[in-house]
Amino acid sequence: MPHLTLATPPEGVSVTDLGSTAPTRHLGYVTTPALAQTLPVRALIRELRAAHAR
């Protein structure tokens, strides 16, 4: 569940910190070379690279 949903859990609900072994989700984007040259896809790739560099 989203963290904010569990920030103040209702009575009877407990929250367990999973630490560094918590499950994660990685999303990827696959495109063809032809689509990679379109402005929207280039902008998306630029944003993803900038976010990854942080």
N, C-alpha and C. Protein backbone atom coordinates (compact mmCIF):
# COMPACT_ATOMS: atom_id res chain seq x y z
N MET A 1 0.84 -1.18 0.00
CA MET A 1 0.00 0.00 0.00
C MET A 1 0.89 1.24 0.00
N PRO A 2 0.39 2.33 -0.55
CA PRO A 2 1.18 3.57 -0.54
C PRO A 2 1.50 4.00 0.88
N HIS A 3 2.70 4.56 1.05
CA HIS A 3 3.16 4.98 2.38
C HIS A 3 2.18 5.96 3.02
N LEU A 4 1.67 6.91 2.26
CA LEU A 4 0.76 7.90 2.85
C LEU A 4 -0.52 7.26 3.35
N THR A 5 -0.94 6.17 2.73
CA THR A 5 -2.13 5.48 3.17
C THR A 5 -1.91 4.90 4.56
N LEU A 6 -0.69 4.47 4.83
CA LEU A 6 -0.39 3.83 6.10
C LEU A 6 0.27 4.76 7.11
N ALA A 7 0.34 6.06 6.80
CA ALA A 7 0.98 7.00 7.72
C ALA A 7 0.26 7.02 9.06
N THR A 8 -1.04 6.95 9.04
CA THR A 8 -1.83 6.86 10.27
C THR A 8 -2.81 5.69 10.09
N PRO A 9 -2.33 4.47 10.30
CA PRO A 9 -3.19 3.31 10.06
C PRO A 9 -4.35 3.25 11.04
N PRO A 10 -5.46 2.73 10.59
CA PRO A 10 -6.61 2.61 11.48
C PRO A 10 -6.32 1.59 12.59
N GLU A 11 -7.11 1.64 13.62
CA GLU A 11 -6.96 0.72 14.74
C GLU A 11 -7.05 -0.73 14.24
N GLY A 12 -6.17 -1.56 14.72
CA GLY A 12 -6.18 -2.97 14.31
C GLY A 12 -5.26 -3.26 13.14
N VAL A 13 -4.65 -2.23 12.55
CA VAL A 13 -3.74 -2.41 11.42
C VAL A 13 -2.34 -2.07 11.89
N SER A 14 -1.40 -2.97 11.65
CA SER A 14 -0.02 -2.69 12.03
C SER A 14 0.83 -2.54 10.77
N VAL A 15 1.88 -1.74 10.89
CA VAL A 15 2.78 -1.47 9.77
C VAL A 15 4.15 -2.04 10.13
N THR A 16 4.72 -2.82 9.22
CA THR A 16 6.04 -3.41 9.44
C THR A 16 7.02 -2.82 8.44
N ASP A 17 8.12 -2.28 8.95
CA ASP A 17 9.17 -1.74 8.09
C ASP A 17 9.96 -2.91 7.50
N LEU A 18 10.04 -2.99 6.18
CA LEU A 18 10.76 -4.08 5.54
C LEU A 18 12.23 -3.76 5.32
N GLY A 19 12.65 -2.56 5.68
CA GLY A 19 14.05 -2.19 5.57
C GLY A 19 14.56 -2.22 4.14
N SER A 20 15.82 -2.59 4.00
CA SER A 20 16.44 -2.57 2.67
C SER A 20 16.02 -3.73 1.79
N THR A 21 15.29 -4.68 2.34
CA THR A 21 14.84 -5.83 1.54
C THR A 21 13.42 -5.66 1.02
N ALA A 22 12.89 -4.46 1.15
CA ALA A 22 11.52 -4.21 0.68
C ALA A 22 11.43 -4.40 -0.82
N PRO A 23 10.32 -4.93 -1.31
CA PRO A 23 10.17 -5.10 -2.76
C PRO A 23 10.16 -3.74 -3.47
N THR A 24 10.71 -3.71 -4.64
CA THR A 24 10.72 -2.49 -5.44
C THR A 24 10.18 -2.77 -6.82
N ARG A 25 9.77 -1.73 -7.49
CA ARG A 25 9.27 -1.85 -8.85
C ARG A 25 10.11 -0.98 -9.75
N HIS A 26 10.59 -1.55 -10.83
CA HIS A 26 11.37 -0.82 -11.82
C HIS A 26 10.60 -0.82 -13.13
N LEU A 27 10.39 0.35 -13.67
CA LEU A 27 9.68 0.48 -14.93
C LEU A 27 10.66 0.84 -16.02
N GLY A 28 10.47 0.27 -17.17
CA GLY A 28 11.33 0.59 -18.29
C GLY A 28 10.50 1.01 -19.48
N TYR A 29 11.14 1.58 -20.45
CA TYR A 29 10.46 2.03 -21.65
C TYR A 29 11.26 1.54 -22.84
N VAL A 30 10.62 0.82 -23.71
CA VAL A 30 11.30 0.31 -24.90
C VAL A 30 10.67 0.97 -26.12
N THR A 31 11.50 1.39 -27.03
CA THR A 31 11.00 2.06 -28.23
C THR A 31 11.81 1.62 -29.44
N THR A 32 11.29 1.88 -30.58
CA THR A 32 12.00 1.56 -31.81
C THR A 32 12.91 2.74 -32.16
N PRO A 33 13.93 2.51 -32.97
CA PRO A 33 14.78 3.64 -33.38
C PRO A 33 14.00 4.76 -34.05
N ALA A 34 12.96 4.41 -34.82
CA ALA A 34 12.17 5.45 -35.49
C ALA A 34 11.43 6.32 -34.47
N LEU A 35 10.85 5.69 -33.43
CA LEU A 35 10.14 6.47 -32.41
C LEU A 35 11.09 7.25 -31.53
N ALA A 36 12.30 6.74 -31.35
CA ALA A 36 13.27 7.43 -30.49
C ALA A 36 13.67 8.78 -31.05
N GLN A 37 13.40 9.01 -32.30
CA GLN A 37 13.76 10.28 -32.91
C GLN A 37 12.64 11.31 -32.84
N THR A 38 11.47 10.93 -32.30
CA THR A 38 10.38 11.90 -32.19
C THR A 38 10.61 12.79 -30.97
N LEU A 39 10.13 14.01 -31.05
CA LEU A 39 10.35 14.99 -29.99
C LEU A 39 9.83 14.51 -28.63
N PRO A 40 8.61 13.97 -28.52
CA PRO A 40 8.13 13.54 -27.20
C PRO A 40 9.00 12.44 -26.58
N VAL A 41 9.44 11.49 -27.38
CA VAL A 41 10.26 10.40 -26.84
C VAL A 41 11.63 10.93 -26.44
N ARG A 42 12.20 11.81 -27.22
CA ARG A 42 13.50 12.40 -26.85
C ARG A 42 13.37 13.18 -25.54
N ALA A 43 12.25 13.89 -25.36
CA ALA A 43 12.03 14.63 -24.13
C ALA A 43 11.90 13.68 -22.94
N LEU A 44 11.20 12.57 -23.14
CA LEU A 44 11.06 11.57 -22.09
C LEU A 44 12.42 11.00 -21.70
N ILE A 45 13.21 10.63 -22.68
CA ILE A 45 14.54 10.09 -22.41
C ILE A 45 15.41 11.10 -21.67
N ARG A 46 15.33 12.36 -22.06
CA ARG A 46 16.09 13.41 -21.39
C ARG A 46 15.68 13.52 -19.92
N GLU A 47 14.37 13.48 -19.65
CA GLU A 47 13.88 13.57 -18.27
C GLU A 47 14.32 12.36 -17.45
N LEU A 48 14.24 11.18 -18.03
CA LEU A 48 14.66 9.97 -17.31
C LEU A 48 16.14 10.02 -16.98
N ARG A 49 16.95 10.46 -17.93
CA ARG A 49 18.39 10.56 -17.68
C ARG A 49 18.69 11.58 -16.58
N ALA A 50 17.97 12.70 -16.62
CA ALA A 50 18.18 13.73 -15.60
C ALA A 50 17.78 13.22 -14.22
N ALA A 51 16.68 12.49 -14.14
CA ALA A 51 16.23 11.96 -12.84
C ALA A 51 17.20 10.90 -12.33
N HIS A 52 17.75 10.12 -13.24
CA HIS A 52 18.70 9.06 -12.84
C HIS A 52 20.03 9.66 -12.35
N ALA A 53 20.39 10.81 -12.87
CA ALA A 53 21.66 11.44 -12.51
C ALA A 53 21.62 12.06 -11.11
N ARG A 54 20.44 12.29 -10.58
CA ARG A 54 20.31 12.96 -9.27
C ARG A 54 20.73 12.09 -8.15
